[in-house]
Protein backbone atom coordinates (compact mmCIF):
# COMPACT_ATOMS: atom_id res chain seq x y z
CA UNK A 1 0.00 0.00 0.00
CA UNK A 2 1.31 3.48 -0.88
CA UNK A 3 2.47 5.20 2.32
CA UNK A 4 1.08 8.57 1.16
CA UNK A 5 -2.45 7.19 0.79
CA UNK A 6 -4.81 6.99 3.74
CA UNK A 7 -5.54 3.30 4.44
CA UNK A 8 -8.97 2.03 3.49
CA UNK A 9 -11.45 1.32 6.26
CA UNK A 10 -13.21 -2.03 6.06
CA UNK A 11 -16.54 -2.66 7.81
CA UNK A 12 -16.36 -6.29 8.93
CA UNK A 13 -19.74 -7.92 9.63
CA UNK A 14 -19.44 -11.38 11.20
CA UNK A 15 -21.57 -12.94 13.95
CA UNK A 16 -18.96 -15.47 15.15
CA UNK A 17 -16.66 -13.55 17.55
CA UNK A 18 -13.53 -15.66 17.00
CA UNK A 19 -13.88 -15.55 13.22
CA UNK A 20 -14.49 -11.78 13.37
CA UNK A 21 -11.41 -11.31 15.57
CA UNK A 22 -9.24 -13.39 13.22
CA UNK A 23 -10.57 -11.57 10.15
CA UNK A 24 -9.98 -8.15 11.72
CA UNK A 25 -6.42 -9.20 12.60
CA UNK A 26 -5.76 -10.34 9.00
CA UNK A 27 -7.16 -7.10 7.58
CA UNK A 28 -5.26 -4.85 9.99
CA UNK A 29 -2.01 -6.79 9.40
CA UNK A 30 -2.50 -6.07 5.68
CA UNK A 31 -2.46 -2.33 6.52
CA UNK A 32 -6.16 -1.45 6.58
CA UNK A 33 -8.38 0.07 9.27
CA UNK A 34 -11.46 -1.80 10.47
CA UNK A 35 -14.88 -1.21 11.94
CA UNK A 36 -16.72 -4.21 13.39
CA UNK A 37 -20.35 -5.28 13.57
CA UNK A 38 -21.70 -8.55 14.99
CA UNK A 39 -24.71 -8.65 12.64
CA UNK A 40 -26.38 -6.79 9.80
CA UNK A 41 -28.56 -4.75 12.16
CA UNK A 42 -25.46 -3.37 13.93
CA UNK A 43 -23.83 -2.76 10.55
CA UNK A 44 -26.81 -0.69 9.39
CA UNK A 45 -26.31 1.62 12.37
CA UNK A 46 -22.72 2.16 11.19
CA UNK A 47 -23.85 2.68 7.59
CA UNK A 48 -26.31 5.35 8.75
CA UNK A 49 -23.79 6.91 11.16
CA UNK A 50 -20.81 9.12 10.55
CA UNK A 51 -18.13 6.41 10.53
CA UNK A 52 -16.61 6.30 7.07
CA UNK A 53 -15.72 3.06 5.37
CA UNK A 54 -14.84 2.16 1.81
CA UNK A 55 -15.35 -1.62 1.85
CA UNK A 56 -18.11 -3.80 3.30
CA UNK A 57 -16.95 -7.32 4.17
CA UNK A 58 -19.99 -9.32 5.26
CA UNK A 59 -20.85 -12.88 6.15
CA UNK A 60 -24.07 -14.23 4.60
CA UNK A 61 -25.69 -16.24 7.40
CA UNK A 62 -26.16 -14.45 10.71
CA UNK A 63 -28.90 -13.71 13.22
CA UNK A 64 -30.96 -10.54 13.06
CA UNK A 65 -33.69 -9.04 10.95
CA UNK A 66 -31.69 -9.32 7.70
CA UNK A 67 -28.83 -11.46 6.39
CA UNK A 68 -25.56 -10.38 4.81
CA UNK A 69 -26.92 -10.49 1.25
CA UNK A 70 -29.73 -8.08 2.12
CA UNK A 71 -27.22 -5.86 3.95
CA UNK A 72 -25.04 -5.85 0.83
CA UNK A 73 -28.01 -4.83 -1.34
CA UNK A 74 -28.93 -2.00 1.06
CA UNK A 75 -25.35 -0.71 1.20
CA UNK A 76 -25.03 -0.91 -2.59
CA UNK A 77 -28.21 1.16 -2.93
CA UNK A 78 -27.27 3.78 -0.33
CA UNK A 79 -23.51 3.90 -0.85
CA UNK A 80 -22.63 2.93 -4.44
CA UNK A 81 -19.03 4.06 -3.77
CA UNK A 82 -18.52 1.22 -1.25
CA UNK A 83 -16.91 -1.99 -2.52
CA UNK A 84 -18.67 -5.12 -1.31
CA UNK A 85 -17.12 -8.47 -0.41
CA UNK A 86 -19.46 -11.28 0.63
CA UNK A 87 -18.19 -14.34 2.46
CA UNK A 88 -19.56 -17.65 3.70
CA UNK A 89 -18.40 -21.09 4.66
CA UNK A 90 -21.78 -22.63 3.86
CA UNK A 91 -23.61 -20.59 1.23
CA UNK A 92 -22.32 -19.70 -2.22
CA UNK A 93 -24.57 -16.92 -3.51
CA UNK A 94 -25.42 -16.66 -7.18
CA UNK A 95 -24.58 -13.55 -9.19
CA UNK A 96 -28.28 -12.63 -9.10
CA UNK A 97 -28.30 -12.69 -5.29
CA UNK A 98 -25.33 -10.31 -4.99
CA UNK A 99 -25.25 -6.60 -5.85
CA UNK A 100 -23.52 -5.70 -9.11
CA UNK A 101 -19.75 -5.59 -8.65
CA UNK A 102 -19.77 -7.54 -5.37
CA UNK A 103 -17.12 -10.20 -4.85
CA UNK A 104 -17.64 -13.55 -3.12
CA UNK A 105 -14.74 -14.91 -1.06
CA UNK A 106 -15.26 -18.33 0.58
CA UNK A 107 -14.21 -19.19 4.12
CA UNK A 108 -11.71 -19.98 5.44
CA UNK A 109 -9.90 -16.74 4.64
CA UNK A 110 -6.29 -16.80 3.54
CA UNK A 111 -4.27 -13.66 4.20
CA UNK A 112 -2.82 -13.41 0.67
CA UNK A 113 -6.20 -13.78 -1.06
CA UNK A 114 -7.86 -11.37 1.33
CA UNK A 115 -5.17 -8.74 0.76
CA UNK A 116 -5.46 -9.15 -3.03
CA UNK A 117 -9.22 -8.60 -2.96
CA UNK A 118 -8.97 -5.60 -0.62
CA UNK A 119 -6.29 -3.72 -2.56
CA UNK A 120 -7.46 -0.54 -4.30
CA UNK A 121 -7.36 -0.60 -8.07
CA UNK A 122 -9.43 -1.62 -11.04
CA UNK A 123 -12.53 -3.23 -9.52
CA UNK A 124 -13.44 -5.19 -12.64
CA UNK A 125 -9.97 -6.76 -12.67
CA UNK A 126 -10.09 -7.43 -8.93
CA UNK A 127 -13.52 -9.06 -9.23
CA UNK A 128 -12.28 -11.27 -12.05
CA UNK A 129 -9.26 -12.31 -10.00
CA UNK A 130 -11.40 -13.12 -6.96
CA UNK A 131 -13.84 -15.11 -9.06
CA UNK A 132 -10.95 -17.05 -10.60
CA UNK A 133 -9.51 -17.71 -7.13
CA UNK A 134 -12.75 -19.19 -5.83
CA UNK A 135 -13.97 -20.98 -8.92
CA UNK A 136 -12.93 -24.48 -7.99
CA UNK A 137 -13.26 -23.89 -4.23
CA UNK A 138 -16.88 -22.78 -4.53
CA UNK A 139 -17.77 -26.16 -6.01
CA UNK A 140 -15.76 -27.94 -3.33
CA UNK A 141 -17.87 -26.20 -0.68
CA UNK A 142 -21.03 -27.81 -1.96
CA UNK A 143 -22.50 -25.57 -4.61
């Protein structure tokens, strides 16, 4: 990451505390700032608040009034400037279920793949790279 650039802030939405802690550690070790939410309802409060973030990283399945896919659709509608990364260890969403431009990254998270997807740059190229990275894994996870 360029030292003259302000690091991106990633809103991490994950209901499992240990997974959220590990994910936040990986993201911060890659040089980014983080905000944390334990579910989509808590994340919506951050979205509507004054805390700025440039990337939403959300799990799909979690308790609350909405899931991560609905959260991603809401954020995409309200904040089209925010990049969206959707993750799950159980569910592999279809392109139609995800907002345009969103990237799916399966669990478990590997630091190198996570850093590649989070790096600023050409989003269409980054999305293609992430899709290529998960292609065979998505099928291995039961889709």
